[in-house]
Amino acid sequence: MATPNKPAGMTTLCPYFLVADADKFLSFLKDIFEAQESGVYRDDDGRIMHAEVRIDDSVIMFSNSTDLYPPLTCGVFIYVTGTDEVYNKALAAGATSEQAPEDKDYGRSAGIKDPFGNVWWLTQL
């Protein structure tokens, strides 16, 4: 029987971000989305070479960019408990507005671009 490659508790889809400052990205995820560290692995210089965080039932992976692997931006849709609160916290943490909070057919939604160039589409649960 083959050994499974997907660890227990790991989600099927895991966005992977390459950012210029993974420590600041980790702080942003914790402060804005209440992310919980699952694992942070550093190289000999102390830079994050791989990290995993959980946001509710999802896993996000990321690392510092390198010359070989430059920063990549991503667009992410995320359900939050309070669109306005998360939007305002993100702006205070250096994000910019892509779309102010408003009521849509599918819920209260907004868009922000984080300080790393990633766009997050927020929709209230």
PDB file of N, CA and C in Angstrom:
ATOM      1  N   MET A   1       0.850  -1.187   0.000  1.00  0.00           N
ATOM      2  CA  MET A   1       0.000   0.000   0.000  1.00  0.00           C
ATOM      3  C   MET A   1       0.888   1.240   0.000  1.00  0.00           C
ATOM      4  N   ALA A   2       0.515   2.215  -0.807  1.00  0.00           N
ATOM      5  CA  ALA A   2       1.289   3.449  -0.920  1.00  0.00           C
ATOM      6  C   ALA A   2       1.121   4.311   0.324  1.00  0.00           C
ATOM      7  N   THR A   3       2.163   5.024   0.685  1.00  0.00           N
ATOM      8  CA  THR A   3       2.118   5.961   1.791  1.00  0.00           C
ATOM      9  C   THR A   3       1.478   7.258   1.294  1.00  0.00           C
ATOM     10  N   PRO A   4       0.485   7.785   1.996  1.00  0.00           N
ATOM     11  CA  PRO A   4      -0.153   9.027   1.534  1.00  0.00           C
ATOM     12  C   PRO A   4       0.811  10.210   1.648  1.00  0.00           C
ATOM     13  N   ASN A   5       0.770  11.091   0.644  1.00  0.00           N
ATOM     14  CA  ASN A   5       1.623  12.281   0.653  1.00  0.00           C
ATOM     15  C   ASN A   5       0.980  13.455   1.364  1.00  0.00           C
ATOM     16  N   LYS A   6      -0.330  13.443   1.480  1.00  0.00           N
ATOM     17  CA  LYS A   6      -1.047  14.541   2.129  1.00  0.00           C
ATOM     18  C   LYS A   6      -1.140  14.245   3.621  1.00  0.00           C
ATOM     19  N   PRO A   7      -0.485  15.076   4.454  1.00  0.00           N
ATOM     20  CA  PRO A   7      -0.535  14.856   5.904  1.00  0.00           C
ATOM     21  C   PRO A   7      -1.958  14.968   6.453  1.00  0.00           C
ATOM     22  N   ALA A   8      -2.232  14.256   7.517  1.00  0.00           N
ATOM     23  CA  ALA A   8      -3.535  14.321   8.189  1.00  0.00           C
ATOM     24  C   ALA A   8      -3.821  15.772   8.578  1.00  0.00           C
ATOM     25  N   GLY A   9      -5.042  16.199   8.333  1.00  0.00           N
ATOM     26  CA  GLY A   9      -5.444  17.554   8.698  1.00  0.00           C
ATOM     27  C   GLY A   9      -5.092  18.611   7.672  1.00  0.00           C
ATOM     28  N   MET A  10      -4.397  18.236   6.614  1.00  0.00           N
ATOM     29  CA  MET A  10      -4.011  19.205   5.588  1.00  0.00           C
ATOM     30  C   MET A  10      -5.160  19.364   4.595  1.00  0.00           C
ATOM     31  N   THR A  11      -5.418  20.594   4.170  1.00  0.00           N
ATOM     32  CA  THR A  11      -6.465  20.842   3.190  1.00  0.00           C
ATOM     33  C   THR A  11      -5.986  20.423   1.805  1.00  0.00           C
ATOM     34  N   THR A  12      -6.911  20.155   0.914  1.00  0.00           N
ATOM     35  CA  THR A  12      -6.569  19.710  -0.436  1.00  0.00           C
ATOM     36  C   THR A  12      -5.911  20.823  -1.239  1.00  0.00           C
ATOM     37  N   LEU A  13      -6.370  22.039  -1.067  1.00  0.00           N
ATOM     38  CA  LEU A  13      -5.826  23.184  -1.775  1.00  0.00           C
ATOM     39  C   LEU A  13      -5.145  24.112  -0.779  1.00  0.00           C
ATOM     40  N   CYS A  14      -3.885  24.443  -1.025  1.00  0.00           N
ATOM     41  CA  CYS A  14      -3.118  25.310  -0.125  1.00  0.00           C
ATOM     42  C   CYS A  14      -2.431  26.396  -0.948  1.00  0.00           C
ATOM     43  N   PRO A  15      -2.943  27.622  -0.946  1.00  0.00           N
ATOM     44  CA  PRO A  15      -2.247  28.701  -1.656  1.00  0.00           C
ATOM     45  C   PRO A  15      -0.820  28.846  -1.140  1.00  0.00           C
ATOM     46  N   TYR A  16       0.129  29.125  -2.054  1.00  0.00           N
ATOM     47  CA  TYR A  16       1.531  29.299  -1.686  1.00  0.00           C
ATOM     48  C   TYR A  16       1.985  30.670  -2.164  1.00  0.00           C
ATOM     49  N   PHE A  17       2.421  31.501  -1.223  1.00  0.00           N
ATOM     50  CA  PHE A  17       2.859  32.856  -1.517  1.00  0.00           C
ATOM     51  C   PHE A  17       4.379  32.943  -1.433  1.00  0.00           C
ATOM     52  N   LEU A  18       4.978  33.676  -2.347  1.00  0.00           N
ATOM     53  CA  LEU A  18       6.390  34.035  -2.269  1.00  0.00           C
ATOM     54  C   LEU A  18       6.439  35.538  -2.054  1.00  0.00           C
ATOM     55  N   VAL A  19       6.969  35.960  -0.904  1.00  0.00           N
ATOM     56  CA  VAL A  19       6.963  37.375  -0.537  1.00  0.00           C
ATOM     57  C   VAL A  19       8.360  37.843  -0.172  1.00  0.00           C
ATOM     58  N   ALA A  20       8.605  39.128  -0.344  1.00  0.00           N
ATOM     59  CA  ALA A  20       9.924  39.692  -0.061  1.00  0.00           C
ATOM     60  C   ALA A  20      10.260  39.665   1.432  1.00  0.00           C
ATOM     61  N   ASP A  21       9.258  39.759   2.291  1.00  0.00           N
ATOM     62  CA  ASP A  21       9.494  39.742   3.735  1.00  0.00           C
ATOM     63  C   ASP A  21       8.472  38.825   4.402  1.00  0.00           C
ATOM     64  N   ALA A  22       8.831  37.558   4.514  1.00  0.00           N
ATOM     65  CA  ALA A  22       7.894  36.560   5.043  1.00  0.00           C
ATOM     66  C   ALA A  22       7.565  36.795   6.515  1.00  0.00           C
ATOM     67  N   ASP A  23       8.481  37.368   7.289  1.00  0.00           N
ATOM     68  CA  ASP A  23       8.174  37.659   8.692  1.00  0.00           C
ATOM     69  C   ASP A  23       7.063  38.703   8.795  1.00  0.00           C
ATOM     70  N   LYS A  24       7.129  39.741   7.975  1.00  0.00           N
ATOM     71  CA  LYS A  24       6.072  40.754   7.976  1.00  0.00           C
ATOM     72  C   LYS A  24       4.764  40.173   7.446  1.00  0.00           C
ATOM     73  N   PHE A  25       4.857  39.294   6.451  1.00  0.00           N
ATOM     74  CA  PHE A  25       3.662  38.642   5.928  1.00  0.00           C
ATOM     75  C   PHE A  25       3.011  37.788   7.005  1.00  0.00           C
ATOM     76  N   LEU A  26       3.818  37.055   7.765  1.00  0.00           N
ATOM     77  CA  LEU A  26       3.309  36.241   8.878  1.00  0.00           C
ATOM     78  C   LEU A  26       2.584  37.130   9.890  1.00  0.00           C
ATOM     79  N   SER A  27       3.172  38.244  10.255  1.00  0.00           N
ATOM     80  CA  SER A  27       2.530  39.176  11.200  1.00  0.00           C
ATOM     81  C   SER A  27       1.218  39.702  10.635  1.00  0.00           C
ATOM     82  N   PHE A  28       1.195  40.037   9.350  1.00  0.00           N
ATOM     83  CA  PHE A  28      -0.022  40.527   8.708  1.00  0.00           C
ATOM     84  C   PHE A  28      -1.119  39.473   8.792  1.00  0.00           C
ATOM     85  N   LEU A  29      -0.805  38.230   8.446  1.00  0.00           N
ATOM     86  CA  LEU A  29      -1.794  37.160   8.487  1.00  0.00           C
ATOM     87  C   LEU A  29      -2.339  36.944   9.891  1.00  0.00           C
ATOM     88  N   LYS A  30      -1.470  37.018  10.884  1.00  0.00           N
ATOM     89  CA  LYS A  30      -1.901  36.839  12.281  1.00  0.00           C
ATOM     90  C   LYS A  30      -2.772  38.001  12.733  1.00  0.00           C
ATOM     91  N   ASP A  31      -2.344  39.224  12.438  1.00  0.00           N
ATOM     92  CA  ASP A  31      -3.060  40.410  12.902  1.00  0.00           C
ATOM     93  C   ASP A  31      -4.413  40.594  12.204  1.00  0.00           C
ATOM     94  N   ILE A  32      -4.464  40.345  10.908  1.00  0.00           N
ATOM     95  CA  ILE A  32      -5.668  40.642  10.147  1.00  0.00           C
ATOM     96  C   ILE A  32      -6.633  39.464  10.117  1.00  0.00           C
ATOM     97  N   PHE A  33      -6.114  38.258   9.918  1.00  0.00           N
ATOM     98  CA  PHE A  33      -6.976  37.091   9.735  1.00  0.00           C
ATOM     99  C   PHE A  33      -6.917  36.096  10.894  1.00  0.00           C
ATOM    100  N   GLU A  34      -6.242  36.466  11.978  1.00  0.00           N
ATOM    101  CA  GLU A  34      -6.102  35.610  13.163  1.00  0.00           C
ATOM    102  C   GLU A  34      -5.518  34.240  12.806  1.00  0.00           C
ATOM    103  N   ALA A  35      -4.562  34.245  11.884  1.00  0.00           N
ATOM    104  CA  ALA A  35      -3.895  33.009  11.464  1.00  0.00           C
ATOM    105  C   ALA A  35      -3.120  32.402  12.627  1.00  0.00           C
ATOM    106  N   GLN A  36      -3.099  31.090  12.658  1.00  0.00           N
ATOM    107  CA  GLN A  36      -2.370  30.332  13.677  1.00  0.00           C
ATOM    108  C   GLN A  36      -1.210  29.601  12.999  1.00  0.00           C
ATOM    109  N   GLU A  37       0.004  29.779  13.530  1.00  0.00           N
ATOM    110  CA  GLU A  37       1.171  29.101  12.965  1.00  0.00           C
ATOM    111  C   GLU A  37       1.043  27.592  13.094  1.00  0.00           C
ATOM    112  N   SER A  38       1.305  26.897  11.990  1.00  0.00           N
ATOM    113  CA  SER A  38       1.392  25.443  12.020  1.00  0.00           C
ATOM    114  C   SER A  38       2.858  25.011  12.001  1.00  0.00           C
ATOM    115  N   GLY A  39       3.680  25.796  11.332  1.00  0.00           N
ATOM    116  CA  GLY A  39       5.102  25.502  11.253  1.00  0.00           C
ATOM    117  C   GLY A  39       5.831  26.615  10.537  1.00  0.00           C
ATOM    118  N   VAL A  40       6.983  27.004  11.078  1.00  0.00           N
ATOM    119  CA  VAL A  40       7.830  28.011  10.454  1.00  0.00           C
ATOM    120  C   VAL A  40       9.245  27.450  10.439  1.00  0.00           C
ATOM    121  N   TYR A  41       9.812  27.355   9.246  1.00  0.00           N
ATOM    122  CA  TYR A  41      11.137  26.766   9.070  1.00  0.00           C
ATOM    123  C   TYR A  41      12.046  27.822   8.461  1.00  0.00           C
ATOM    124  N   ARG A  42      13.201  28.012   9.097  1.00  0.00           N
ATOM    125  CA  ARG A  42      14.104  29.097   8.700  1.00  0.00           C
ATOM    126  C   ARG A  42      15.416  28.542   8.160  1.00  0.00           C
ATOM    127  N   ASP A  43      16.049  29.349   7.307  1.00  0.00           N
ATOM    128  CA  ASP A  43      17.364  28.967   6.814  1.00  0.00           C
ATOM    129  C   ASP A  43      18.426  29.421   7.818  1.00  0.00           C
ATOM    130  N   ASP A  44      19.679  29.218   7.497  1.00  0.00           N
ATOM    131  CA  ASP A  44      20.769  29.569   8.416  1.00  0.00           C
ATOM    132  C   ASP A  44      20.867  31.067   8.688  1.00  0.00           C
ATOM    133  N   ASP A  45      20.307  31.888   7.805  1.00  0.00           N
ATOM    134  CA  ASP A  45      20.307  33.335   8.000  1.00  0.00           C
ATOM    135  C   ASP A  45      19.070  33.830   8.739  1.00  0.00           C
ATOM    136  N   GLY A  46      18.182  32.907   9.125  1.00  0.00           N
ATOM    137  CA  GLY A  46      16.982  33.272   9.874  1.00  0.00           C
ATOM    138  C   GLY A  46      15.794  33.648   9.007  1.00  0.00           C
ATOM    139  N   ARG A  47      15.947  33.597   7.697  1.00  0.00           N
ATOM    140  CA  ARG A  47      14.836  33.911   6.788  1.00  0.00           C
ATOM    141  C   ARG A  47      13.890  32.717   6.706  1.00  0.00           C
ATOM    142  N   ILE A  48      12.616  33.003   6.580  1.00  0.00           N
ATOM    143  CA  ILE A  48      11.623  31.933   6.465  1.00  0.00           C
ATOM    144  C   ILE A  48      11.775  31.260   5.106  1.00  0.00           C
ATOM    145  N   MET A  49      12.118  29.964   5.132  1.00  0.00           N
ATOM    146  CA  MET A  49      12.226  29.207   3.878  1.00  0.00           C
ATOM    147  C   MET A  49      10.954  28.420   3.592  1.00  0.00           C
ATOM    148  N   HIS A  50      10.109  28.234   4.611  1.00  0.00           N
ATOM    149  CA  HIS A  50       8.784  27.634   4.434  1.00  0.00           C
ATOM    150  C   HIS A  50       7.992  27.870   5.713  1.00  0.00           C
ATOM    151  N   ALA A  51       6.735  28.261   5.549  1.00  0.00           N
ATOM    152  CA  ALA A  51       5.856  28.445   6.698  1.00  0.00           C
ATOM    153  C   ALA A  51       4.445  28.018   6.311  1.00  0.00           C
ATOM    154  N   GLU A  52       3.721  27.570   7.321  1.00  0.00           N
ATOM    155  CA  GLU A  52       2.320  27.195   7.149  1.00  0.00           C
ATOM    156  C   GLU A  52       1.522  27.805   8.277  1.00  0.00           C
ATOM    157  N   VAL A  53       0.379  28.381   7.915  1.00  0.00           N
ATOM    158  CA  VAL A  53      -0.554  28.915   8.907  1.00  0.00           C
ATOM    159  C   VAL A  53      -1.945  28.393   8.595  1.00  0.00           C
ATOM    160  N   ARG A  54      -2.761  28.352   9.633  1.00  0.00           N
ATOM    161  CA  ARG A  54      -4.167  27.975   9.482  1.00  0.00           C
ATOM    162  C   ARG A  54      -5.017  29.214   9.704  1.00  0.00           C
ATOM    163  N   ILE A  55      -5.981  29.384   8.814  1.00  0.00           N
ATOM    164  CA  ILE A  55      -7.018  30.388   8.983  1.00  0.00           C
ATOM    165  C   ILE A  55      -8.306  29.602   8.936  1.00  0.00           C
ATOM    166  N   ASP A  56      -8.920  29.437  10.096  1.00  0.00           N
ATOM    167  CA  ASP A  56     -10.113  28.619  10.237  1.00  0.00           C
ATOM    168  C   ASP A  56      -9.804  27.214   9.725  1.00  0.00           C
ATOM    169  N   ASP A  57     -10.468  26.750   8.675  1.00  0.00           N
ATOM    170  CA  ASP A  57     -10.252  25.383   8.201  1.00  0.00           C
ATOM    171  C   ASP A  57      -9.313  25.318   6.995  1.00  0.00           C
ATOM    172  N   SER A  58      -8.609  26.420   6.700  1.00  0.00           N
ATOM    173  CA  SER A  58      -7.734  26.488   5.532  1.00  0.00           C
ATOM    174  C   SER A  58      -6.269  26.608   5.926  1.00  0.00           C
ATOM    175  N   VAL A  59      -5.409  26.211   5.015  1.00  0.00           N
ATOM    176  CA  VAL A  59      -3.963  26.308   5.208  1.00  0.00           C
ATOM    177  C   VAL A  59      -3.382  27.211   4.128  1.00  0.00           C
ATOM    178  N   ILE A  60      -2.522  28.122   4.541  1.00  0.00           N
ATOM    179  CA  ILE A  60      -1.762  28.963   3.622  1.00  0.00           C
ATOM    180  C   ILE A  60      -0.292  28.670   3.858  1.00  0.00           C
ATOM    181  N   MET A  61       0.454  28.517   2.771  1.00  0.00           N
ATOM    182  CA  MET A  61       1.896  28.305   2.851  1.00  0.00           C
ATOM    183  C   MET A  61       2.591  29.502   2.214  1.00  0.00           C
ATOM    184  N   PHE A  62       3.821  29.792   2.683  1.00  0.00           N
ATOM    185  CA  PHE A  62       4.562  30.910   2.107  1.00  0.00           C
ATOM    186  C   PHE A  62       6.035  30.814   2.470  1.00  0.00           C
ATOM    187  N   SER A  63       6.835  31.614   1.769  1.00  0.00           N
ATOM    188  CA  SER A  63       8.260  31.708   2.073  1.00  0.00           C
ATOM    189  C   SER A  63       8.786  33.037   1.559  1.00  0.00           C
ATOM    190  N   ASN A  64      10.013  33.347   1.977  1.00  0.00           N
ATOM    191  CA  ASN A  64      10.699  34.499   1.424  1.00  0.00           C
ATOM    192  C   ASN A  64      11.016  34.229  -0.029  1.00  0.00           C
ATOM    193  N   SER A  65      10.895  35.251  -0.833  1.00  0.00           N
ATOM    194  CA  SER A  65      11.297  35.131  -2.220  1.00  0.00           C
ATOM    195  C   SER A  65      12.829  35.094  -2.287  1.00  0.00           C
ATOM    196  N   THR A  66      13.319  34.646  -3.421  1.00  0.00           N
ATOM    197  CA  THR A  66      14.767  34.582  -3.667  1.00  0.00           C
ATOM    198  C   THR A  66      15.016  35.043  -5.101  1.00  0.00           C
ATOM    199  N   ASP A  67      16.283  35.115  -5.483  1.00  0.00           N
ATOM    200  CA  ASP A  67      16.590  35.452  -6.871  1.00  0.00           C
ATOM    201  C   ASP A  67      16.027  34.401  -7.815  1.00  0.00           C
ATOM    202  N   LEU A  68      16.092  33.151  -7.401  1.00  0.00           N
ATOM    203  CA  LEU A  68      15.581  32.055  -8.219  1.00  0.00           C
ATOM    204  C   LEU A  68      14.049  32.028  -8.245  1.00  0.00           C
ATOM    205  N   TYR A  69      13.436  32.382  -7.108  1.00  0.00           N
ATOM    206  CA  TYR A  69      11.979  32.395  -6.970  1.00  0.00           C
ATOM    207  C   TYR A  69      11.533  33.780  -6.508  1.00  0.00           C
ATOM    208  N   PRO A  70      11.311  34.709  -7.452  1.00  0.00           N
ATOM    209  CA  PRO A  70      10.931  36.079  -7.083  1.00  0.00           C
ATOM    210  C   PRO A  70       9.523  36.139  -6.507  1.00  0.00           C
ATOM    211  N   PRO A  71       9.160  37.280  -5.900  1.00  0.00           N
ATOM    212  CA  PRO A  71       7.816  37.415  -5.331  1.00  0.00           C
ATOM    213  C   PRO A  71       6.731  37.151  -6.379  1.00  0.00           C
ATOM    214  N   LEU A  72       5.675  36.499  -5.932  1.00  0.00           N
ATOM    215  CA  LEU A  72       4.496  36.246  -6.766  1.00  0.00           C
ATOM    216  C   LEU A  72       3.281  36.796  -6.037  1.00  0.00           C
ATOM    217  N   THR A  73       2.433  37.480  -6.750  1.00  0.00           N
ATOM    218  CA  THR A  73       1.208  37.957  -6.124  1.00  0.00           C
ATOM    219  C   THR A  73       0.068  36.994  -6.428  1.00  0.00           C
ATOM    220  N   CYS A  74      -0.965  37.100  -5.628  1.00  0.00           N
ATOM    221  CA  CYS A  74      -2.071  36.161  -5.706  1.00  0.00           C
ATOM    222  C   CYS A  74      -3.368  36.898  -5.392  1.00  0.00           C
ATOM    223  N   GLY A  75      -4.465  36.406  -5.899  1.00  0.00           N
ATOM    224  CA  GLY A  75      -5.786  36.879  -5.521  1.00  0.00           C
ATOM    225  C   GLY A  75      -6.468  35.786  -4.725  1.00  0.00           C
ATOM    226  N   VAL A  76      -7.038  36.147  -3.578  1.00  0.00           N
ATOM    227  CA  VAL A  76      -7.619  35.160  -2.673  1.00  0.00           C
ATOM    228  C   VAL A  76      -9.005  35.621  -2.232  1.00  0.00           C
ATOM    229  N   PHE A  77      -9.955  34.718  -2.249  1.00  0.00           N
ATOM    230  CA  PHE A  77     -11.299  34.963  -1.708  1.00  0.00           C
ATOM    231  C   PHE A  77     -11.338  34.345  -0.332  1.00  0.00           C
ATOM    232  N   ILE A  78     -11.770  35.117   0.668  1.00  0.00           N
ATOM    233  CA  ILE A  78     -11.782  34.610   2.038  1.00  0.00           C
ATOM    234  C   ILE A  78     -13.072  35.020   2.741  1.00  0.00           C
ATOM    235  N   TYR A  79     -13.679  34.070   3.426  1.00  0.00           N
ATOM    236  CA  TYR A  79     -14.844  34.367   4.269  1.00  0.00           C
ATOM    237  C   TYR A  79     -14.346  34.854   5.624  1.00  0.00           C
ATOM    238  N   VAL A  80     -14.948  35.918   6.110  1.00  0.00           N
ATOM    239  CA  VAL A  80     -14.575  36.507   7.397  1.00  0.00           C
ATOM    240  C   VAL A  80     -15.826  36.711   8.237  1.00  0.00           C
ATOM    241  N   THR A  81     -15.649  36.874   9.545  1.00  0.00           N
ATOM    242  CA  THR A  81     -16.807  37.077  10.417  1.00  0.00           C
ATOM    243  C   THR A  81     -17.305  38.518  10.387  1.00  0.00           C
ATOM    244  N   GLY A  82     -16.452  39.459  10.022  1.00  0.00           N
ATOM    245  CA  GLY A  82     -16.860  40.860   9.951  1.00  0.00           C
ATOM    246  C   GLY A  82     -16.101  41.584   8.856  1.00  0.00           C
ATOM    247  N   THR A  83     -16.719  41.771   7.708  1.00  0.00           N
ATOM    248  CA  THR A  83     -16.044  42.394   6.563  1.00  0.00           C
ATOM    249  C   THR A  83     -15.497  43.769   6.903  1.00  0.00           C
ATOM    250  N   ASP A  84     -16.317  44.615   7.503  1.00  0.00           N
ATOM    251  CA  ASP A  84     -15.880  45.985   7.802  1.00  0.00           C
ATOM    252  C   ASP A  84     -14.698  45.993   8.774  1.00  0.00           C
ATOM    253  N   GLU A  85     -14.769  45.161   9.800  1.00  0.00           N
ATOM    254  CA  GLU A  85     -13.694  45.104  10.794  1.00  0.00           C
ATOM    255  C   GLU A  85     -12.377  44.648  10.158  1.00  0.00           C
ATOM    256  N   VAL A  86     -12.421  43.580   9.388  1.00  0.00           N
ATOM    257  CA  VAL A  86     -11.200  43.066   8.752  1.00  0.00           C
ATOM    258  C   VAL A  86     -10.671  44.085   7.741  1.00  0.00           C
ATOM    259  N   TYR A  87     -11.542  44.668   6.965  1.00  0.00           N
ATOM    260  CA  TYR A  87     -11.163  45.695   5.979  1.00  0.00           C
ATOM    261  C   TYR A  87     -10.437  46.850   6.670  1.00  0.00           C
ATOM    262  N   ASN A  88     -11.012  47.369   7.744  1.00  0.00           N
ATOM    263  CA  ASN A  88     -10.411  48.506   8.456  1.00  0.00           C
ATOM    264  C   ASN A  88      -9.094  48.129   9.121  1.00  0.00           C
ATOM    265  N   LYS A  89      -9.008  46.933   9.705  1.00  0.00           N
ATOM    266  CA  LYS A  89      -7.739  46.476  10.294  1.00  0.00           C
ATOM    267  C   LYS A  89      -6.665  46.368   9.217  1.00  0.00           C
ATOM    268  N   ALA A  90      -7.032  45.850   8.069  1.00  0.00           N
ATOM    269  CA  ALA A  90      -6.067  45.692   6.981  1.00  0.00           C
ATOM    270  C   ALA A  90      -5.558  47.047   6.491  1.00  0.00           C
ATOM    271  N   LEU A  91      -6.461  48.011   6.337  1.00  0.00           N
ATOM    272  CA  LEU A  91      -6.037  49.347   5.903  1.00  0.00           C
ATOM    273  C   LEU A  91      -5.099  49.976   6.928  1.00  0.00           C
ATOM    274  N   ALA A  92      -5.405  49.799   8.203  1.00  0.00           N
ATOM    275  CA  ALA A  92      -4.547  50.347   9.261  1.00  0.00           C
ATOM    276  C   ALA A  92      -3.174  49.671   9.268  1.00  0.00           C
ATOM    277  N   ALA A  93      -3.093  48.459   8.744  1.00  0.00           N
ATOM    278  CA  ALA A  93      -1.830  47.708   8.713  1.00  0.00           C
ATOM    279  C   ALA A  93      -1.072  47.911   7.403  1.00  0.00           C
ATOM    280  N   GLY A  94      -1.524  48.844   6.571  1.00  0.00           N
ATOM    281  CA  GLY A  94      -0.788  49.171   5.362  1.00  0.00           C
ATOM    282  C   GLY A  94      -1.388  48.653   4.071  1.00  0.00           C
ATOM    283  N   ALA A  95      -2.515  47.977   4.130  1.00  0.00           N
ATOM    284  CA  ALA A  95      -3.189  47.538   2.910  1.00  0.00           C
ATOM    285  C   ALA A  95      -3.855  48.738   2.248  1.00  0.00           C
ATOM    286  N   THR A  96      -4.182  48.590   0.979  1.00  0.00           N
ATOM    287  CA  THR A  96      -4.924  49.620   0.270  1.00  0.00           C
ATOM    288  C   THR A  96      -6.266  49.042  -0.168  1.00  0.00           C
ATOM    289  N   SER A  97      -7.204  49.919  -0.405  1.00  0.00           N
ATOM    290  CA  SER A  97      -8.547  49.488  -0.768  1.00  0.00           C
ATOM    291  C   SER A  97      -8.633  49.148  -2.248  1.00  0.00           C
ATOM    292  N   GLU A  98      -9.199  48.006  -2.527  1.00  0.00           N
ATOM    293  CA  GLU A  98      -9.563  47.615  -3.889  1.00  0.00           C
ATOM    294  C   GLU A  98     -11.051  47.874  -4.089  1.00  0.00           C
ATOM    295  N   GLN A  99     -11.803  47.701  -2.995  1.00  0.00           N
ATOM    296  CA  GLN A  99     -13.247  47.944  -3.029  1.00  0.00           C
ATOM    297  C   GLN A  99     -13.725  48.145  -1.595  1.00  0.00           C
ATOM    298  N   ALA A 100     -14.385  49.259  -1.333  1.00  0.00           N
ATOM    299  CA  ALA A 100     -14.928  49.523  -0.004  1.00  0.00           C
ATOM    300  C   ALA A 100     -16.029  48.509   0.314  1.00  0.00           C
ATOM    301  N   PRO A 101     -16.257  48.232   1.606  1.00  0.00           N
ATOM    302  CA  PRO A 101     -17.313  47.285   1.972  1.00  0.00           C
ATOM    303  C   PRO A 101     -18.674  47.721   1.446  1.00  0.00           C
ATOM    304  N   GLU A 102     -19.390  46.766   0.896  1.00  0.00           N
ATOM    305  CA  GLU A 102     -20.760  47.018   0.449  1.00  0.00           C
ATOM    306  C   GLU A 102     -21.522  45.702   0.434  1.00  0.00           C
ATOM    307  N   ASP A 103     -22.836  45.849   0.498  1.00  0.00           N
ATOM    308  CA  ASP A 103     -23.696  44.666   0.460  1.00  0.00           C
ATOM    309  C   ASP A 103     -23.878  44.212  -0.984  1.00  0.00           C
ATOM    310  N   LYS A 104     -23.644  42.918  -1.208  1.00  0.00           N
ATOM    311  CA  LYS A 104     -23.795  42.302  -2.530  1.00  0.00           C
ATOM    312  C   LYS A 104     -24.859  41.218  -2.428  1.00  0.00           C
ATOM    313  N   ASP A 105     -25.199  40.617  -3.536  1.00  0.00           N
ATOM    314  CA  ASP A 105     -26.170  39.519  -3.526  1.00  0.00           C
ATOM    315  C   ASP A 105     -25.703  38.365  -2.646  1.00  0.00           C
ATOM    316  N   TYR A 106     -24.398  38.167  -2.564  1.00  0.00           N
ATOM    317  CA  TYR A 106     -23.828  37.029  -1.845  1.00  0.00           C
ATOM    318  C   TYR A 106     -23.293  37.387  -0.458  1.00  0.00           C
ATOM    319  N   GLY A 107     -23.493  38.632  -0.005  1.00  0.00           N
ATOM    320  CA  GLY A 107     -23.078  39.022   1.345  1.00  0.00           C
ATOM    321  C   GLY A 107     -22.299  40.319   1.358  1.00  0.00           C
ATOM    322  N   ARG A 108     -21.932  40.752   2.550  1.00  0.00           N
ATOM    323  CA  ARG A 108     -21.153  41.992   2.714  1.00  0.00           C
ATOM    324  C   ARG A 108     -19.721  41.717   2.279  1.00  0.00           C
ATOM    325  N   SER A 109     -19.248  42.465   1.301  1.00  0.00           N
ATOM    326  CA  SER A 109     -17.961  42.168   0.678  1.00  0.00           C
ATOM    327  C   SER A 109     -17.104  43.415   0.545  1.00  0.00           C
ATOM    328  N   ALA A 110     -15.794  43.182   0.416  1.00  0.00           N
ATOM    329  CA  ALA A 110     -14.827  44.254   0.203  1.00  0.00           C
ATOM    330  C   ALA A 110     -13.575  43.640  -0.397  1.00  0.00           C
ATOM    331  N   GLY A 111     -12.685  44.501  -0.883  1.00  0.00           N
ATOM    332  CA  GLY A 111     -11.414  44.037  -1.409  1.00  0.00           C
ATOM    333  C   GLY A 111     -10.274  44.886  -0.901  1.00  0.00           C
ATOM    334  N   ILE A 112      -9.167  44.231  -0.572  1.00  0.00           N
ATOM    335  CA  ILE A 112      -7.966  44.946  -0.131  1.00  0.00           C
ATOM    336  C   ILE A 112      -6.750  44.374  -0.865  1.00  0.00           C
ATOM    337  N   LYS A 113      -5.741  45.221  -1.034  1.00  0.00           N
ATOM    338  CA  LYS A 113      -4.449  44.762  -1.529  1.00  0.00           C
ATOM    339  C   LYS A 113      -3.488  44.879  -0.360  1.00  0.00           C
ATOM    340  N   ASP A 114      -2.889  43.755   0.042  1.00  0.00           N
ATOM    341  CA  ASP A 114      -1.989  43.780   1.190  1.00  0.00           C
ATOM    342  C   ASP A 114      -0.670  44.466   0.817  1.00  0.00           C
ATOM    343  N   PRO A 115       0.178  44.785   1.809  1.00  0.00           N
ATOM    344  CA  PRO A 115       1.432  45.476   1.521  1.00  0.00           C
ATOM    345  C   PRO A 115       2.401  44.668   0.654  1.00  0.00           C
ATOM    346  N   PHE A 116       2.061  43.420   0.340  1.00  0.00           N
ATOM    347  CA  PHE A 116       2.924  42.532  -0.441  1.00  0.00           C
ATOM    348  C   PHE A 116       2.425  42.374  -1.869  1.00  0.00           C
ATOM    349  N   GLY A 117       1.302  43.047  -2.204  1.00  0.00           N
ATOM    350  CA  GLY A 117       0.771  43.031  -3.552  1.00  0.00           C
ATOM    351  C   GLY A 117      -0.328  42.024  -3.809  1.00  0.00           C
ATOM    352  N   ASN A 118      -0.722  41.257  -2.787  1.00  0.00           N
ATOM    353  CA  ASN A 118      -1.780  40.262  -2.930  1.00  0.00           C
ATOM    354  C   ASN A 118      -3.141  40.910  -2.712  1.00  0.00           C
ATOM    355  N   VAL A 119      -4.130  40.479  -3.487  1.00  0.00           N
ATOM    356  CA  VAL A 119      -5.484  41.010  -3.344  1.00  0.00           C
ATOM    357  C   VAL A 119      -6.332  39.977  -2.610  1.00  0.00           C
ATOM    358  N   TRP A 120      -7.029  40.449  -1.587  1.00  0.00           N
ATOM    359  CA  TRP A 120      -7.903  39.607  -0.764  1.00  0.00           C
ATOM    360  C   TRP A 120      -9.329  40.101  -0.934  1.00  0.00           C
ATOM    361  N   TRP A 121     -10.221  39.228  -1.373  1.00  0.00           N
ATOM    362  CA  TRP A 121     -11.640  39.545  -1.481  1.00  0.00           C
ATOM    363  C   TRP A 121     -12.336  38.997  -0.250  1.00  0.00           C
ATOM    364  N   LEU A 122     -12.857  39.887   0.565  1.00  0.00           N
ATOM    365  CA  LEU A 122     -13.460  39.549   1.843  1.00  0.00           C
ATOM    366  C   LEU A 122     -14.969  39.440   1.684  1.00  0.00           C
ATOM    367  N   THR A 123     -15.551  38.397   2.208  1.00  0.00           N
ATOM    368  CA  THR A 123     -17.007  38.267   2.239  1.00  0.00           C
ATOM    369  C   THR A 123     -17.422  37.744   3.604  1.00  0.00           C
ATOM    370  N   GLN A 124     -18.386  38.409   4.191  1.00  0.00           N
ATOM    371  CA  GLN A 124     -18.836  38.066   5.542  1.00  0.00           C
ATOM    372  C   GLN A 124     -19.617  36.759   5.546  1.00  0.00           C
ATOM    373  N   LEU A 125     -19.321  35.934   6.545  1.00  0.00           N
ATOM    374  CA  LEU A 125     -20.051  34.663   6.722  1.00  0.00           C
ATOM    375  C   LEU A 125     -21.499  34.936   7.031  1.00  0.00           C
TER     376      LEU A 125
END
